[in-house]
Amino acid sequence: MHARLHLCADGGANRLFDEMPLFFPNENASDVRRSRYKPDAIKGDMDSIRKDVLDFYKSILCILVAGALGGRFDHEVGNLNVLCCFSSLRIVLLSNDSLIYLLPRTHRHEIHIETSVEGPHCGLIPLGMPSRSTTTTGLQWNLDNTEMNFGGLVSTSNIVKGEKVTVQSDSDLLWTISIKKL
């Protein structure tokens, strides 16, 4: 309970959700789940977590999927599909050398770069449909109402220039950034 970081494996979140309220029988179960102990991240491939548990935690945490990249290509594409299926969640796909997450078209995004561990290489890739208009700041090669699509321009091999990048697009985009070796 006094750890600085609370993590759950995907199926472990089910146990936390079900069993933590049992330790505080005189308190509201939802209050116990939100205030007594909540994970900072749920780690795994999300094949074991129940939908009701995922729905409960989705508004209060980030889901980190370690080992999501660098293996079988069909599994990598499946993990990218999970980002689309759960676009309202903050799901981060992590490998030894990069991380990826979805930037939904419904928001203007401010990405704060932890320069001690992230960058400088980055990319923006349209997912599911072409982007008719993407605008960025904070990159070496910013986009200005730029159209992107597979078979045409995609913003790969770009460079972050500072500690903040902004992105606005009419299409969902994958954001990817390199992770420095420690």
N, C-alpha and C. Protein backbone atom coordinates (compact mmCIF):
# COMPACT_ATOMS: atom_id res chain seq x y z
N MET A 1 0.82 -1.20 0.00
CA MET A 1 0.00 0.00 0.00
C MET A 1 0.86 1.26 0.00
N HIS A 2 2.12 1.18 0.47
CA HIS A 2 2.96 2.37 0.53
C HIS A 2 3.94 2.45 -0.62
N ALA A 3 3.81 1.59 -1.62
CA ALA A 3 4.68 1.63 -2.78
C ALA A 3 4.44 2.91 -3.57
N ARG A 4 5.46 3.38 -4.28
CA ARG A 4 5.32 4.60 -5.08
C ARG A 4 4.57 4.35 -6.37
N LEU A 5 4.61 3.12 -6.86
CA LEU A 5 3.94 2.78 -8.11
C LEU A 5 3.14 1.51 -7.91
N HIS A 6 1.86 1.54 -8.24
CA HIS A 6 0.97 0.39 -8.11
C HIS A 6 0.64 -0.14 -9.49
N LEU A 7 1.06 -1.37 -9.78
CA LEU A 7 0.83 -2.00 -11.08
C LEU A 7 -0.01 -3.25 -10.92
N CYS A 8 -0.80 -3.55 -11.95
CA CYS A 8 -1.54 -4.81 -12.01
C CYS A 8 -1.26 -5.46 -13.35
N ALA A 9 -1.10 -6.77 -13.34
CA ALA A 9 -1.18 -7.51 -14.60
C ALA A 9 -2.65 -7.48 -14.99
N ASP A 10 -2.96 -7.65 -16.26
CA ASP A 10 -4.34 -7.44 -16.70
C ASP A 10 -5.35 -8.25 -15.89
N GLY A 11 -5.15 -9.55 -15.71
CA GLY A 11 -6.05 -10.37 -14.90
C GLY A 11 -5.99 -10.03 -13.42
N GLY A 12 -4.84 -9.52 -12.96
CA GLY A 12 -4.70 -9.12 -11.56
C GLY A 12 -5.61 -7.96 -11.21
N ALA A 13 -5.95 -7.13 -12.20
CA ALA A 13 -6.87 -6.03 -11.96
C ALA A 13 -8.24 -6.55 -11.57
N ASN A 14 -8.63 -7.71 -12.11
CA ASN A 14 -9.91 -8.32 -11.72
C ASN A 14 -9.91 -8.64 -10.23
N ARG A 15 -8.82 -9.24 -9.75
CA ARG A 15 -8.73 -9.60 -8.33
C ARG A 15 -8.74 -8.37 -7.44
N LEU A 16 -7.99 -7.34 -7.84
CA LEU A 16 -7.98 -6.11 -7.06
C LEU A 16 -9.38 -5.51 -6.98
N PHE A 17 -10.05 -5.44 -8.11
CA PHE A 17 -11.40 -4.89 -8.19
C PHE A 17 -12.36 -5.68 -7.30
N ASP A 18 -12.29 -7.01 -7.35
CA ASP A 18 -13.21 -7.87 -6.61
C ASP A 18 -12.90 -7.95 -5.12
N GLU A 19 -11.63 -7.99 -4.77
CA GLU A 19 -11.25 -8.33 -3.40
C GLU A 19 -10.91 -7.15 -2.49
N MET A 20 -10.45 -6.03 -3.02
CA MET A 20 -10.08 -4.90 -2.16
C MET A 20 -11.26 -4.43 -1.30
N PRO A 21 -12.48 -4.33 -1.83
CA PRO A 21 -13.60 -3.90 -0.97
C PRO A 21 -13.89 -4.86 0.19
N LEU A 22 -13.48 -6.10 0.08
CA LEU A 22 -13.70 -7.07 1.16
C LEU A 22 -12.91 -6.70 2.42
N PHE A 23 -11.81 -5.97 2.26
CA PHE A 23 -11.01 -5.54 3.41
C PHE A 23 -11.65 -4.38 4.17
N PHE A 24 -12.61 -3.73 3.54
CA PHE A 24 -13.28 -2.57 4.14
C PHE A 24 -14.79 -2.75 4.02
N PRO A 25 -15.36 -3.72 4.75
CA PRO A 25 -16.77 -4.08 4.58
C PRO A 25 -17.76 -2.98 4.96
N ASN A 26 -17.34 -2.01 5.76
CA ASN A 26 -18.25 -0.95 6.19
C ASN A 26 -18.21 0.27 5.27
N GLU A 27 -17.43 0.18 4.17
CA GLU A 27 -17.32 1.30 3.25
C GLU A 27 -17.91 0.93 1.90
N ASN A 28 -18.31 1.93 1.15
CA ASN A 28 -18.84 1.74 -0.19
C ASN A 28 -17.74 1.14 -1.08
N ALA A 29 -18.07 0.07 -1.80
CA ALA A 29 -17.08 -0.64 -2.61
C ALA A 29 -16.45 0.27 -3.67
N SER A 30 -17.25 1.10 -4.31
CA SER A 30 -16.72 1.99 -5.33
C SER A 30 -15.74 3.00 -4.74
N ASP A 31 -16.05 3.52 -3.55
CA ASP A 31 -15.14 4.45 -2.89
C ASP A 31 -13.82 3.77 -2.53
N VAL A 32 -13.88 2.54 -2.08
CA VAL A 32 -12.67 1.79 -1.76
C VAL A 32 -11.81 1.63 -3.01
N ARG A 33 -12.45 1.25 -4.11
CA ARG A 33 -11.70 1.04 -5.36
C ARG A 33 -11.06 2.32 -5.86
N ARG A 34 -11.71 3.47 -5.66
CA ARG A 34 -11.17 4.73 -6.17
C ARG A 34 -10.15 5.38 -5.24
N SER A 35 -10.31 5.20 -3.93
CA SER A 35 -9.48 5.97 -3.01
C SER A 35 -8.51 5.13 -2.18
N ARG A 36 -8.90 3.95 -1.79
CA ARG A 36 -8.03 3.15 -0.93
C ARG A 36 -6.83 2.58 -1.67
N TYR A 37 -7.08 2.07 -2.85
CA TYR A 37 -6.00 1.49 -3.64
C TYR A 37 -6.47 1.40 -5.07
N LYS A 38 -5.77 2.09 -5.94
CA LYS A 38 -6.03 1.97 -7.36
C LYS A 38 -4.69 1.83 -8.07
N PRO A 39 -4.65 1.03 -9.11
CA PRO A 39 -3.39 0.87 -9.83
C PRO A 39 -3.05 2.13 -10.63
N ASP A 40 -1.76 2.43 -10.74
CA ASP A 40 -1.31 3.51 -11.60
C ASP A 40 -1.30 3.07 -13.06
N ALA A 41 -1.12 1.78 -13.26
CA ALA A 41 -1.12 1.22 -14.62
C ALA A 41 -1.54 -0.23 -14.56
N ILE A 42 -2.14 -0.68 -15.64
CA ILE A 42 -2.46 -2.09 -15.82
C ILE A 42 -1.60 -2.56 -16.97
N LYS A 43 -0.80 -3.60 -16.73
CA LYS A 43 0.19 -4.07 -17.69
C LYS A 43 -0.21 -5.44 -18.20
N GLY A 44 -0.09 -5.66 -19.49
CA GLY A 44 -0.38 -6.96 -20.06
C GLY A 44 -0.94 -6.84 -21.45
N ASP A 45 -1.42 -7.95 -21.99
CA ASP A 45 -1.97 -7.93 -23.34
C ASP A 45 -3.49 -7.79 -23.33
N MET A 46 -4.07 -7.59 -22.17
CA MET A 46 -5.49 -7.31 -21.97
C MET A 46 -6.41 -8.45 -22.38
N ASP A 47 -5.87 -9.68 -22.36
CA ASP A 47 -6.72 -10.81 -22.72
C ASP A 47 -7.44 -11.39 -21.51
N SER A 48 -7.06 -11.00 -20.29
CA SER A 48 -7.66 -11.57 -19.09
C SER A 48 -8.54 -10.61 -18.30
N ILE A 49 -8.39 -9.33 -18.54
CA ILE A 49 -9.17 -8.37 -17.77
C ILE A 49 -10.63 -8.39 -18.24
N ARG A 50 -11.55 -8.36 -17.28
CA ARG A 50 -12.98 -8.32 -17.62
C ARG A 50 -13.36 -6.92 -18.11
N LYS A 51 -14.36 -6.86 -18.97
CA LYS A 51 -14.81 -5.59 -19.53
C LYS A 51 -15.29 -4.63 -18.45
N ASP A 52 -16.02 -5.12 -17.44
CA ASP A 52 -16.52 -4.24 -16.39
C ASP A 52 -15.37 -3.63 -15.59
N VAL A 53 -14.31 -4.40 -15.38
CA VAL A 53 -13.15 -3.91 -14.64
C VAL A 53 -12.41 -2.87 -15.48
N LEU A 54 -12.22 -3.18 -16.75
CA LEU A 54 -11.56 -2.24 -17.64
C LEU A 54 -12.34 -0.94 -17.73
N ASP A 55 -13.65 -1.04 -17.86
CA ASP A 55 -14.49 0.16 -17.91
C ASP A 55 -14.37 0.99 -16.64
N PHE A 56 -14.29 0.34 -15.48
CA PHE A 56 -14.17 1.07 -14.22
C PHE A 56 -12.85 1.83 -14.15
N TYR A 57 -11.75 1.16 -14.48
CA TYR A 57 -10.43 1.77 -14.33
C TYR A 57 -10.04 2.70 -15.48
N LYS A 58 -10.75 2.64 -16.61
CA LYS A 58 -10.30 3.38 -17.77
C LYS A 58 -10.24 4.88 -17.56
N SER A 59 -11.07 5.42 -16.71
CA SER A 59 -11.08 6.86 -16.51
C SER A 59 -10.03 7.33 -15.50
N ILE A 60 -9.37 6.40 -14.82
CA ILE A 60 -8.46 6.84 -13.75
C ILE A 60 -7.03 6.37 -13.93
N LEU A 61 -6.71 5.72 -15.04
CA LEU A 61 -5.34 5.26 -15.18
C LEU A 61 -4.95 5.04 -16.62
N CYS A 62 -3.66 4.81 -16.80
CA CYS A 62 -3.08 4.47 -18.10
C CYS A 62 -2.81 2.96 -18.13
N ILE A 63 -3.04 2.35 -19.27
CA ILE A 63 -2.77 0.92 -19.43
C ILE A 63 -1.48 0.78 -20.22
N LEU A 64 -0.51 0.12 -19.64
CA LEU A 64 0.79 -0.08 -20.25
C LEU A 64 0.89 -1.52 -20.72
N VAL A 65 1.13 -1.71 -22.02
CA VAL A 65 1.24 -3.04 -22.59
C VAL A 65 2.70 -3.25 -22.95
N ALA A 66 3.44 -3.91 -22.06
CA ALA A 66 4.86 -4.17 -22.29
C ALA A 66 5.02 -5.36 -23.22
N GLY A 67 6.05 -5.31 -24.05
CA GLY A 67 6.31 -6.39 -24.99
C GLY A 67 5.31 -6.43 -26.13
N ALA A 68 4.64 -5.32 -26.39
CA ALA A 68 3.60 -5.27 -27.42
C ALA A 68 4.17 -5.15 -28.82
N LEU A 69 5.44 -4.87 -28.93
CA LEU A 69 6.08 -4.64 -30.23
C LEU A 69 7.34 -5.48 -30.34
N GLY A 70 7.73 -5.79 -31.55
CA GLY A 70 8.99 -6.48 -31.75
C GLY A 70 8.89 -7.98 -31.84
N GLY A 71 7.69 -8.53 -31.79
CA GLY A 71 7.51 -9.97 -31.92
C GLY A 71 6.88 -10.29 -33.26
N ARG A 72 5.90 -11.16 -33.22
CA ARG A 72 5.20 -11.52 -34.45
C ARG A 72 4.41 -10.33 -34.96
N PHE A 73 4.51 -10.09 -36.26
CA PHE A 73 3.86 -8.93 -36.86
C PHE A 73 2.35 -8.96 -36.69
N ASP A 74 1.74 -10.16 -36.82
CA ASP A 74 0.28 -10.23 -36.67
C ASP A 74 -0.15 -9.85 -35.26
N HIS A 75 0.68 -10.16 -34.25
CA HIS A 75 0.37 -9.75 -32.88
C HIS A 75 0.54 -8.24 -32.72
N GLU A 76 1.57 -7.68 -33.36
CA GLU A 76 1.75 -6.23 -33.30
C GLU A 76 0.55 -5.50 -33.90
N VAL A 77 0.08 -5.97 -35.06
CA VAL A 77 -1.09 -5.35 -35.69
C VAL A 77 -2.32 -5.55 -34.80
N GLY A 78 -2.44 -6.71 -34.17
CA GLY A 78 -3.54 -6.93 -33.23
C GLY A 78 -3.49 -5.95 -32.08
N ASN A 79 -2.30 -5.65 -31.58
CA ASN A 79 -2.16 -4.67 -30.50
C ASN A 79 -2.53 -3.26 -30.97
N LEU A 80 -2.19 -2.93 -32.22
CA LEU A 80 -2.62 -1.65 -32.77
C LEU A 80 -4.14 -1.59 -32.89
N ASN A 81 -4.74 -2.72 -33.23
CA ASN A 81 -6.20 -2.80 -33.31
C ASN A 81 -6.84 -2.54 -31.94
N VAL A 82 -6.20 -3.03 -30.87
CA VAL A 82 -6.70 -2.78 -29.51
C VAL A 82 -6.76 -1.28 -29.24
N LEU A 83 -5.76 -0.53 -29.72
CA LEU A 83 -5.78 0.93 -29.54
C LEU A 83 -7.04 1.53 -30.16
N CYS A 84 -7.42 1.02 -31.33
CA CYS A 84 -8.62 1.52 -32.01
C CYS A 84 -9.89 1.08 -31.30
N CYS A 85 -9.92 -0.16 -30.84
CA CYS A 85 -11.12 -0.68 -30.17
C CYS A 85 -11.40 0.03 -28.85
N PHE A 86 -10.36 0.48 -28.19
CA PHE A 86 -10.49 1.14 -26.89
C PHE A 86 -9.92 2.56 -26.96
N SER A 87 -10.35 3.32 -27.97
CA SER A 87 -9.76 4.64 -28.22
C SER A 87 -10.03 5.63 -27.09
N SER A 88 -11.00 5.35 -26.24
CA SER A 88 -11.28 6.26 -25.12
C SER A 88 -10.32 6.02 -23.95
N LEU A 89 -9.54 4.95 -24.00
CA LEU A 89 -8.57 4.64 -22.96
C LEU A 89 -7.19 5.14 -23.34
N ARG A 90 -6.37 5.42 -22.36
CA ARG A 90 -4.96 5.76 -22.60
C ARG A 90 -4.18 4.46 -22.52
N ILE A 91 -3.94 3.82 -23.67
CA ILE A 91 -3.20 2.57 -23.75
C ILE A 91 -1.86 2.88 -24.41
N VAL A 92 -0.78 2.49 -23.76
CA VAL A 92 0.57 2.71 -24.29
C VAL A 92 1.18 1.35 -24.60
N LEU A 93 1.61 1.18 -25.86
CA LEU A 93 2.32 -0.02 -26.28
C LEU A 93 3.80 0.26 -26.13
N LEU A 94 4.51 -0.64 -25.46
CA LEU A 94 5.90 -0.41 -25.10
C LEU A 94 6.79 -1.54 -25.59
N SER A 95 7.94 -1.17 -26.14
CA SER A 95 8.96 -2.15 -26.51
C SER A 95 10.27 -1.71 -25.87
N ASN A 96 11.35 -2.39 -26.22
CA ASN A 96 12.66 -2.01 -25.68
C ASN A 96 13.14 -0.67 -26.21
N ASP A 97 12.65 -0.26 -27.38
CA ASP A 97 13.19 0.95 -27.98
C ASP A 97 12.17 2.01 -28.38
N SER A 98 10.87 1.76 -28.14
CA SER A 98 9.89 2.79 -28.49
C SER A 98 8.59 2.58 -27.74
N LEU A 99 7.76 3.60 -27.81
CA LEU A 99 6.40 3.49 -27.29
C LEU A 99 5.45 4.09 -28.31
N ILE A 100 4.21 3.59 -28.28
CA ILE A 100 3.19 4.01 -29.23
C ILE A 100 1.88 4.20 -28.48
N TYR A 101 1.14 5.26 -28.83
CA TYR A 101 -0.23 5.37 -28.37
C TYR A 101 -1.05 6.13 -29.39
N LEU A 102 -2.36 6.02 -29.23
CA LEU A 102 -3.29 6.61 -30.17
C LEU A 102 -3.60 8.05 -29.80
N LEU A 103 -3.62 8.91 -30.81
CA LEU A 103 -4.08 10.29 -30.65
C LEU A 103 -5.43 10.39 -31.36
N PRO A 104 -6.54 10.29 -30.62
CA PRO A 104 -7.86 10.36 -31.25
C PRO A 104 -8.10 11.71 -31.93
N ARG A 105 -8.77 11.69 -33.04
CA ARG A 105 -9.05 12.90 -33.82
C ARG A 105 -9.94 13.88 -33.07
N THR A 106 -10.57 13.43 -32.00
CA THR A 106 -11.51 14.27 -31.27
C THR A 106 -10.84 15.31 -30.38
N HIS A 107 -9.50 15.30 -30.27
CA HIS A 107 -8.80 16.20 -29.37
C HIS A 107 -7.65 16.91 -30.07
N ARG A 108 -7.28 18.07 -29.54
CA ARG A 108 -6.00 18.69 -29.85
C ARG A 108 -5.06 18.16 -28.77
N HIS A 109 -3.93 17.63 -29.16
CA HIS A 109 -3.05 16.93 -28.22
C HIS A 109 -1.82 17.76 -27.89
N GLU A 110 -1.49 17.81 -26.59
CA GLU A 110 -0.22 18.34 -26.12
C GLU A 110 0.55 17.15 -25.56
N ILE A 111 1.67 16.85 -26.17
CA ILE A 111 2.49 15.72 -25.75
C ILE A 111 3.70 16.30 -25.05
N HIS A 112 3.85 15.97 -23.77
CA HIS A 112 4.99 16.45 -22.99
C HIS A 112 6.07 15.38 -23.03
N ILE A 113 7.22 15.75 -23.55
CA ILE A 113 8.31 14.83 -23.79
C ILE A 113 9.22 14.79 -22.56
N GLU A 114 9.45 13.59 -22.05
CA GLU A 114 10.42 13.39 -20.97
C GLU A 114 11.77 13.16 -21.65
N THR A 115 12.50 14.26 -21.91
CA THR A 115 13.70 14.19 -22.75
C THR A 115 14.81 13.32 -22.15
N SER A 116 14.75 13.05 -20.86
CA SER A 116 15.78 12.18 -20.27
C SER A 116 15.61 10.73 -20.68
N VAL A 117 14.39 10.35 -21.10
CA VAL A 117 14.14 8.95 -21.48
C VAL A 117 13.49 8.80 -22.85
N GLU A 118 12.91 9.87 -23.41
CA GLU A 118 12.22 9.78 -24.69
C GLU A 118 12.92 10.59 -25.77
N GLY A 119 12.76 10.13 -27.02
CA GLY A 119 13.22 10.87 -28.17
C GLY A 119 14.67 10.59 -28.51
N PRO A 120 15.15 11.25 -29.52
CA PRO A 120 14.51 12.32 -30.25
C PRO A 120 13.63 11.85 -31.42
N HIS A 121 13.77 10.60 -31.85
CA HIS A 121 13.04 10.13 -33.04
C HIS A 121 11.57 9.90 -32.73
N CYS A 122 10.71 10.32 -33.67
CA CYS A 122 9.27 10.17 -33.47
C CYS A 122 8.57 10.05 -34.81
N GLY A 123 7.28 9.75 -34.75
CA GLY A 123 6.50 9.66 -35.96
C GLY A 123 5.02 9.79 -35.68
N LEU A 124 4.28 10.16 -36.71
CA LEU A 124 2.81 10.24 -36.68
C LEU A 124 2.31 9.47 -37.90
N ILE A 125 1.43 8.51 -37.65
CA ILE A 125 0.98 7.63 -38.72
C ILE A 125 -0.55 7.56 -38.68
N PRO A 126 -1.22 7.90 -39.79
CA PRO A 126 -2.68 7.79 -39.81
C PRO A 126 -3.10 6.33 -39.67
N LEU A 127 -4.15 6.10 -38.91
CA LEU A 127 -4.58 4.74 -38.62
C LEU A 127 -6.05 4.58 -39.00
N GLY A 128 -6.32 3.67 -39.90
CA GLY A 128 -7.69 3.36 -40.28
C GLY A 128 -8.21 4.15 -41.46
N MET A 129 -7.77 5.37 -41.61
CA MET A 129 -8.22 6.22 -42.71
C MET A 129 -7.17 7.30 -42.96
N PRO A 130 -7.15 7.87 -44.14
CA PRO A 130 -6.21 8.96 -44.41
C PRO A 130 -6.53 10.17 -43.54
N SER A 131 -5.52 10.98 -43.33
CA SER A 131 -5.71 12.27 -42.67
C SER A 131 -5.68 13.34 -43.75
N ARG A 132 -6.76 14.07 -43.86
CA ARG A 132 -6.81 15.16 -44.84
C ARG A 132 -6.07 16.40 -44.33
N SER A 133 -5.94 16.51 -42.98
CA SER A 133 -5.33 17.72 -42.43
C SER A 133 -4.72 17.42 -41.06
N THR A 134 -3.40 17.49 -40.98
CA THR A 134 -2.70 17.34 -39.70
C THR A 134 -1.75 18.52 -39.54
N THR A 135 -1.78 19.13 -38.36
CA THR A 135 -0.91 20.26 -38.04
C THR A 135 -0.17 19.95 -36.74
N THR A 136 1.14 20.23 -36.72
CA THR A 136 1.96 19.97 -35.53
C THR A 136 2.83 21.17 -35.20
N THR A 137 3.28 21.20 -33.94
CA THR A 137 4.36 22.10 -33.51
C THR A 137 5.32 21.27 -32.68
N GLY A 138 6.55 21.73 -32.57
CA GLY A 138 7.54 21.08 -31.72
C GLY A 138 8.35 20.00 -32.40
N LEU A 139 8.18 19.83 -33.71
CA LEU A 139 8.94 18.82 -34.45
C LEU A 139 9.93 19.48 -35.41
N GLN A 140 10.97 18.78 -35.76
CA GLN A 140 11.91 19.32 -36.74
C GLN A 140 11.21 19.58 -38.07
N TRP A 141 10.33 18.65 -38.49
CA TRP A 141 9.58 18.81 -39.72
C TRP A 141 8.09 18.85 -39.37
N ASN A 142 7.62 20.05 -38.99
CA ASN A 142 6.21 20.21 -38.62
C ASN A 142 5.31 20.04 -39.83
N LEU A 143 4.09 19.64 -39.55
CA LEU A 143 3.07 19.50 -40.56
C LEU A 143 2.14 20.70 -40.47
N ASP A 144 1.72 21.22 -41.61
CA ASP A 144 0.84 22.39 -41.65
C ASP A 144 -0.35 22.07 -42.55
N ASN A 145 -1.45 21.61 -41.92
CA ASN A 145 -2.63 21.15 -42.67
C ASN A 145 -2.24 20.13 -43.74
N THR A 146 -1.36 19.22 -43.36
CA THR A 146 -0.78 18.25 -44.29
C THR A 146 -1.65 17.01 -44.41
N GLU A 147 -1.78 16.51 -45.63
CA GLU A 147 -2.49 15.26 -45.88
C GLU A 147 -1.52 14.10 -45.72
N MET A 148 -1.98 13.04 -45.01
CA MET A 148 -1.16 11.84 -44.84
C MET A 148 -2.01 10.61 -45.13
N ASN A 149 -1.39 9.60 -45.75
CA ASN A 149 -2.08 8.33 -45.97
C ASN A 149 -1.06 7.27 -46.37
N PHE A 150 -1.42 5.99 -46.15
CA PHE A 150 -0.57 4.91 -46.61
C PHE A 150 -0.54 4.94 -48.13
N GLY A 151 0.63 4.76 -48.70
CA GLY A 151 0.81 4.90 -50.13
C GLY A 151 1.19 6.32 -50.51
N GLY A 152 1.20 7.21 -49.54
CA GLY A 152 1.58 8.61 -49.72
C GLY A 152 2.49 9.02 -48.57
N LEU A 153 2.34 10.24 -48.13
CA LEU A 153 3.15 10.77 -47.04
C LEU A 153 2.69 10.24 -45.69
N VAL A 154 3.63 9.75 -44.88
CA VAL A 154 3.43 9.52 -43.46
C VAL A 154 4.60 10.19 -42.76
N SER A 155 4.39 10.66 -41.55
CA SER A 155 5.42 11.41 -40.83
C SER A 155 6.27 10.47 -39.98
N THR A 156 7.17 9.76 -40.62
CA THR A 156 8.11 8.92 -39.89
C THR A 156 9.48 9.56 -39.92
N SER A 157 10.37 9.10 -39.07
CA SER A 157 11.75 9.63 -38.99
C SER A 157 11.77 11.12 -38.72
N ASN A 158 10.83 11.60 -37.91
CA ASN A 158 10.82 12.99 -37.49
C ASN A 158 11.61 13.11 -36.19
N ILE A 159 11.81 14.31 -35.73
CA ILE A 159 12.63 14.58 -34.53
C ILE A 159 11.89 15.57 -33.64
N VAL A 160 11.78 15.26 -32.33
CA VAL A 160 11.22 16.24 -31.39
C VAL A 160 12.29 17.30 -31.12
N LYS A 161 11.84 18.54 -31.05
CA LYS A 161 12.78 19.66 -30.88
C LYS A 161 12.78 20.25 -29.48
N GLY A 162 11.91 19.79 -28.60
CA GLY A 162 11.84 20.35 -27.27
C GLY A 162 11.10 19.42 -26.35
N GLU A 163 10.44 20.01 -25.36
CA GLU A 163 9.73 19.22 -24.36
C GLU A 163 8.23 19.17 -24.58
N LYS A 164 7.74 19.82 -25.67
CA LYS A 164 6.30 19.77 -25.95
C LYS A 164 6.06 19.71 -27.45
N VAL A 165 5.16 18.80 -27.81
CA VAL A 165 4.72 18.66 -29.19
C VAL A 165 3.20 18.81 -29.18
N THR A 166 2.65 19.54 -30.15
CA THR A 166 1.19 19.62 -30.28
C THR A 166 0.79 18.97 -31.59
N VAL A 167 -0.38 18.32 -31.58
CA VAL A 167 -0.88 17.64 -32.76
C VAL A 167 -2.39 17.87 -32.85
N GLN A 168 -2.84 18.26 -34.03
CA GLN A 168 -4.26 18.38 -34.33
C GLN A 168 -4.48 17.70 -35.68
N SER A 169 -5.45 16.78 -35.74
CA SER A 169 -5.70 16.06 -36.98
C SER A 169 -7.18 15.74 -37.12
N ASP A 170 -7.61 15.55 -38.36
CA ASP A 170 -8.98 15.14 -38.61
C ASP A 170 -9.11 13.62 -38.66
N SER A 171 -8.02 12.92 -38.33
CA SER A 171 -8.01 11.46 -38.34
C SER A 171 -7.27 10.96 -37.10
N ASP A 172 -7.61 9.76 -36.65
CA ASP A 172 -6.84 9.14 -35.58
C ASP A 172 -5.41 8.91 -36.07
N LEU A 173 -4.44 9.21 -35.21
CA LEU A 173 -3.03 9.02 -35.55
C LEU A 173 -2.35 8.17 -34.50
N LEU A 174 -1.37 7.38 -34.92
CA LEU A 174 -0.48 6.73 -33.98
C LEU A 174 0.68 7.68 -33.71
N TRP A 175 0.99 7.88 -32.45
CA TRP A 175 2.19 8.63 -32.06
C TRP A 175 3.21 7.61 -31.62
N THR A 176 4.40 7.70 -32.14
CA THR A 176 5.48 6.83 -31.72
C THR A 176 6.70 7.66 -31.43
N ILE A 177 7.43 7.29 -30.40
CA ILE A 177 8.65 8.00 -30.02
C ILE A 177 9.66 6.99 -29.51
N SER A 178 10.92 7.24 -29.81
CA SER A 178 11.98 6.34 -29.36
C SER A 178 12.21 6.47 -27.87
N ILE A 179 12.72 5.41 -27.28
CA ILE A 179 13.07 5.40 -25.86
C ILE A 179 14.59 5.24 -25.78
N LYS A 180 15.22 6.08 -24.97
CA LYS A 180 16.67 6.05 -24.83
C LYS A 180 17.10 4.86 -23.99
N LYS A 181 18.23 4.30 -24.33
CA LYS A 181 18.82 3.22 -23.53
C LYS A 181 19.41 3.83 -22.26
N LEU A 182 19.07 3.26 -21.13
CA LEU A 182 19.58 3.80 -19.85
C LEU A 182 20.86 3.15 -19.44
